[in-house]
Every structure is written in structure tokens, then in C-alpha cells.
N, C-alpha and C. Protein backbone atom coordinates (compact mmCIF):
# COMPACT_ATOMS: atom_id res chain seq x y z
N UNK A 1 -33.52 -4.59 -2.50
CA UNK A 1 -32.27 -4.04 -1.97
C UNK A 1 -31.44 -5.12 -1.28
N UNK A 2 -31.73 -6.38 -1.51
CA UNK A 2 -31.03 -7.44 -0.81
C UNK A 2 -29.66 -7.78 -1.37
N UNK A 3 -29.27 -7.17 -2.48
CA UNK A 3 -27.99 -7.52 -3.09
C UNK A 3 -26.97 -6.42 -2.81
N UNK A 4 -26.35 -6.46 -1.64
CA UNK A 4 -25.35 -5.47 -1.28
C UNK A 4 -23.95 -6.02 -1.45
N UNK A 5 -23.77 -7.06 -2.26
CA UNK A 5 -22.48 -7.69 -2.51
C UNK A 5 -21.83 -8.15 -1.21
N UNK A 6 -22.62 -8.53 -0.24
CA UNK A 6 -22.07 -9.10 0.98
C UNK A 6 -21.50 -8.08 1.94
N UNK A 7 -21.46 -6.82 1.58
CA UNK A 7 -20.85 -5.82 2.46
C UNK A 7 -21.69 -5.64 3.72
N UNK A 8 -23.01 -5.63 3.60
CA UNK A 8 -23.85 -5.40 4.77
C UNK A 8 -23.74 -6.54 5.77
N UNK A 9 -23.62 -7.76 5.25
CA UNK A 9 -23.58 -8.89 6.17
C UNK A 9 -22.25 -8.96 6.91
N UNK A 10 -21.18 -8.39 6.35
CA UNK A 10 -19.87 -8.45 7.01
C UNK A 10 -19.73 -7.42 8.12
N UNK A 11 -20.26 -6.23 7.92
CA UNK A 11 -19.95 -5.14 8.83
C UNK A 11 -20.35 -5.38 10.29
N UNK A 12 -21.52 -5.93 10.59
CA UNK A 12 -21.84 -6.11 12.01
C UNK A 12 -20.84 -7.02 12.73
N UNK A 13 -20.32 -8.04 12.05
CA UNK A 13 -19.41 -8.97 12.71
C UNK A 13 -18.04 -8.35 12.94
N UNK A 14 -17.68 -7.33 12.17
CA UNK A 14 -16.35 -6.74 12.31
C UNK A 14 -16.25 -5.78 13.49
N UNK A 15 -17.36 -5.21 13.92
CA UNK A 15 -17.31 -4.31 15.04
C UNK A 15 -17.02 -2.89 14.60
N UNK A 16 -16.40 -2.10 15.49
CA UNK A 16 -16.16 -0.68 15.20
C UNK A 16 -15.20 -0.47 14.03
N UNK A 17 -15.30 0.71 13.40
CA UNK A 17 -14.52 0.99 12.19
C UNK A 17 -13.03 1.03 12.43
N UNK A 18 -12.59 1.48 13.60
CA UNK A 18 -11.16 1.55 13.87
C UNK A 18 -10.53 0.17 13.81
N UNK A 19 -11.25 -0.80 14.30
CA UNK A 19 -10.72 -2.16 14.31
C UNK A 19 -10.42 -2.63 12.88
N UNK A 20 -11.34 -2.39 11.96
CA UNK A 20 -11.14 -2.87 10.59
C UNK A 20 -9.99 -2.14 9.92
N UNK A 21 -9.87 -0.82 10.14
CA UNK A 21 -8.79 -0.09 9.47
C UNK A 21 -7.43 -0.55 9.98
N UNK A 22 -7.33 -0.84 11.27
CA UNK A 22 -6.06 -1.30 11.82
C UNK A 22 -5.70 -2.65 11.21
N UNK A 23 -6.71 -3.53 11.08
CA UNK A 23 -6.46 -4.85 10.51
C UNK A 23 -6.02 -4.72 9.06
N UNK A 24 -6.67 -3.84 8.31
CA UNK A 24 -6.32 -3.66 6.89
C UNK A 24 -4.86 -3.23 6.74
N UNK A 25 -4.44 -2.23 7.52
CA UNK A 25 -3.08 -1.72 7.33
C UNK A 25 -2.05 -2.80 7.66
N UNK A 26 -2.29 -3.58 8.72
CA UNK A 26 -1.30 -4.61 9.07
C UNK A 26 -1.25 -5.68 7.98
N UNK A 27 -2.39 -6.07 7.45
CA UNK A 27 -2.39 -7.09 6.39
C UNK A 27 -1.73 -6.54 5.13
N UNK A 28 -2.03 -5.31 4.79
CA UNK A 28 -1.47 -4.73 3.57
C UNK A 28 0.04 -4.64 3.70
N UNK A 29 0.54 -4.30 4.88
CA UNK A 29 1.98 -4.20 5.09
C UNK A 29 2.67 -5.54 4.87
N UNK A 30 2.04 -6.62 5.33
CA UNK A 30 2.64 -7.94 5.16
C UNK A 30 2.63 -8.35 3.70
N UNK A 31 1.60 -7.96 2.96
CA UNK A 31 1.40 -8.52 1.62
C UNK A 31 2.14 -7.76 0.53
N UNK A 32 2.66 -6.59 0.81
CA UNK A 32 3.25 -5.78 -0.25
C UNK A 32 4.33 -6.52 -1.04
N UNK A 33 5.28 -7.23 -0.41
CA UNK A 33 6.33 -7.87 -1.22
C UNK A 33 5.79 -8.90 -2.22
N UNK A 34 4.90 -9.79 -1.77
CA UNK A 34 4.36 -10.81 -2.67
C UNK A 34 2.88 -10.54 -2.88
N UNK A 35 2.54 -9.93 -4.01
CA UNK A 35 1.18 -9.46 -4.26
C UNK A 35 0.16 -10.59 -4.28
N UNK A 36 0.55 -11.76 -4.77
CA UNK A 36 -0.44 -12.81 -5.04
C UNK A 36 -0.78 -13.65 -3.81
N UNK A 37 -0.03 -13.53 -2.73
CA UNK A 37 -0.35 -14.34 -1.54
C UNK A 37 -1.72 -13.92 -1.01
N UNK A 38 -2.26 -14.71 -0.10
CA UNK A 38 -3.66 -14.55 0.33
C UNK A 38 -3.98 -13.11 0.68
N UNK A 39 -4.77 -12.46 -0.17
CA UNK A 39 -5.13 -11.06 0.04
C UNK A 39 -6.47 -10.97 0.76
N UNK A 40 -6.61 -9.93 1.56
CA UNK A 40 -7.91 -9.66 2.18
C UNK A 40 -8.88 -9.21 1.08
N UNK A 41 -10.17 -9.50 1.24
CA UNK A 41 -11.15 -9.11 0.21
C UNK A 41 -11.08 -7.62 -0.13
N UNK A 42 -10.83 -6.78 0.89
CA UNK A 42 -10.75 -5.34 0.63
C UNK A 42 -9.61 -5.04 -0.33
N UNK A 43 -8.46 -5.69 -0.11
CA UNK A 43 -7.29 -5.44 -0.95
C UNK A 43 -7.54 -5.89 -2.39
N UNK A 44 -8.20 -7.04 -2.55
CA UNK A 44 -8.51 -7.53 -3.89
C UNK A 44 -9.41 -6.52 -4.59
N UNK A 45 -10.41 -6.01 -3.87
CA UNK A 45 -11.33 -5.03 -4.43
C UNK A 45 -10.59 -3.75 -4.83
N UNK A 46 -9.68 -3.31 -3.96
CA UNK A 46 -8.90 -2.11 -4.26
C UNK A 46 -8.08 -2.32 -5.52
N UNK A 47 -7.43 -3.49 -5.62
CA UNK A 47 -6.63 -3.78 -6.82
C UNK A 47 -7.50 -3.74 -8.07
N UNK A 48 -8.70 -4.34 -7.99
CA UNK A 48 -9.59 -4.35 -9.15
C UNK A 48 -9.96 -2.92 -9.54
N UNK A 49 -10.26 -2.08 -8.54
CA UNK A 49 -10.66 -0.71 -8.84
C UNK A 49 -9.49 0.08 -9.43
N UNK A 50 -8.28 -0.18 -8.93
CA UNK A 50 -7.11 0.52 -9.48
C UNK A 50 -6.89 0.14 -10.94
N UNK A 51 -7.04 -1.16 -11.27
CA UNK A 51 -6.91 -1.59 -12.66
C UNK A 51 -7.97 -0.95 -13.52
N UNK A 52 -9.20 -0.91 -13.01
CA UNK A 52 -10.31 -0.29 -13.74
C UNK A 52 -10.01 1.18 -14.02
N UNK A 53 -9.48 1.87 -12.98
CA UNK A 53 -9.14 3.29 -13.16
C UNK A 53 -8.08 3.46 -14.23
N UNK A 54 -7.07 2.59 -14.24
CA UNK A 54 -6.03 2.67 -15.26
C UNK A 54 -6.64 2.50 -16.65
N UNK A 55 -7.53 1.51 -16.78
CA UNK A 55 -8.17 1.27 -18.08
C UNK A 55 -8.95 2.50 -18.53
N UNK A 56 -9.71 3.09 -17.59
CA UNK A 56 -10.52 4.25 -17.94
C UNK A 56 -9.63 5.43 -18.31
N UNK A 57 -8.51 5.60 -17.59
CA UNK A 57 -7.60 6.69 -17.92
C UNK A 57 -7.02 6.50 -19.32
N UNK A 58 -6.67 5.26 -19.66
CA UNK A 58 -6.14 4.99 -20.99
C UNK A 58 -7.18 5.28 -22.06
N UNK A 59 -8.44 4.90 -21.78
CA UNK A 59 -9.51 5.18 -22.74
C UNK A 59 -9.68 6.68 -22.92
N UNK A 60 -9.63 7.42 -21.79
CA UNK A 60 -9.76 8.87 -21.87
C UNK A 60 -8.64 9.47 -22.72
N UNK A 61 -7.43 8.97 -22.54
CA UNK A 61 -6.30 9.47 -23.33
C UNK A 61 -6.55 9.22 -24.81
N UNK A 62 -7.03 8.01 -25.14
CA UNK A 62 -7.29 7.68 -26.54
C UNK A 62 -8.36 8.61 -27.12
N UNK A 63 -9.41 8.85 -26.34
CA UNK A 63 -10.49 9.73 -26.80
C UNK A 63 -9.95 11.14 -27.00
N UNK A 64 -9.12 11.59 -26.04
CA UNK A 64 -8.52 12.92 -26.17
C UNK A 64 -7.66 13.03 -27.41
N UNK A 65 -6.86 11.99 -27.66
CA UNK A 65 -6.01 11.99 -28.85
C UNK A 65 -6.86 12.02 -30.12
N UNK A 66 -7.94 11.23 -30.13
CA UNK A 66 -8.82 11.21 -31.30
C UNK A 66 -9.45 12.58 -31.52
N UNK A 67 -9.84 13.25 -30.42
CA UNK A 67 -10.41 14.60 -30.54
C UNK A 67 -9.38 15.56 -31.12
N UNK A 68 -8.15 15.46 -30.64
CA UNK A 68 -7.08 16.32 -31.17
C UNK A 68 -6.91 16.09 -32.68
N UNK A 69 -6.93 14.81 -33.07
CA UNK A 69 -6.78 14.49 -34.50
C UNK A 69 -7.92 15.10 -35.30
N UNK A 70 -9.15 15.01 -34.76
CA UNK A 70 -10.30 15.60 -35.45
C UNK A 70 -10.13 17.10 -35.58
N UNK A 71 -9.70 17.76 -34.51
CA UNK A 71 -9.50 19.21 -34.55
C UNK A 71 -8.44 19.56 -35.59
N UNK A 72 -7.35 18.81 -35.61
CA UNK A 72 -6.29 19.04 -36.60
C UNK A 72 -6.86 18.91 -38.02
N UNK A 73 -7.66 17.87 -38.22
CA UNK A 73 -8.26 17.67 -39.53
C UNK A 73 -9.14 18.83 -39.94
N UNK A 74 -9.94 19.33 -38.99
CA UNK A 74 -10.81 20.47 -39.29
C UNK A 74 -9.98 21.70 -39.63
N UNK A 75 -8.90 21.93 -38.87
CA UNK A 75 -8.04 23.08 -39.12
C UNK A 75 -7.43 23.00 -40.53
N UNK A 76 -7.02 21.79 -40.91
CA UNK A 76 -6.39 21.62 -42.21
C UNK A 76 -7.39 21.87 -43.33
N UNK A 77 -8.64 21.42 -43.13
CA UNK A 77 -9.66 21.61 -44.16
C UNK A 77 -10.01 23.08 -44.31
N UNK A 78 -10.23 23.77 -43.18
CA UNK A 78 -10.66 25.17 -43.25
C UNK A 78 -9.49 26.09 -43.58
N UNK A 79 -8.28 25.74 -43.12
CA UNK A 79 -7.12 26.61 -43.36
C UNK A 79 -6.57 26.36 -44.73
């Protein structure tokens, strides 16, 4: 269980949870205009997860479309 992607080692040094959330919001507010400037690790992770979600949503749409095409094909064959 030693591979926690560094999250466990960071949390004790950050202190209470309120402190980290306040820091995140202030950093995110500064960074919004220029996305590529020095991002906090949390923000980079969030961006990666958002991209991943978009990819998965696109894949789901493609699968849904393919299913619709299959259903149409079945209807045409039986009808």
C-alpha cells in the first residue's frame, strides 16, 4: 500500500482541510486567464480528469450511435 501517488505524504504538511481549499481557490482564480502558467498539482490533476471525462463521454456517444445503427439494421431486416 506504499504507492499512494504522493497524496499521503503531502497531506500532513498542509494542515487542516480549510487551509488547502482556501489556497486552491485563490490560485485557481489567478490562473484562469492564462491556463498554462504554473498550475498547482491539484489543478493539473483536475484538468487531466476533465479531459478524461470528455474522452469517455465521446466514446459513450459513439457506442450509443453504433447501438442505434445496429437496432436500425435489425428493424430493416425484420420489417
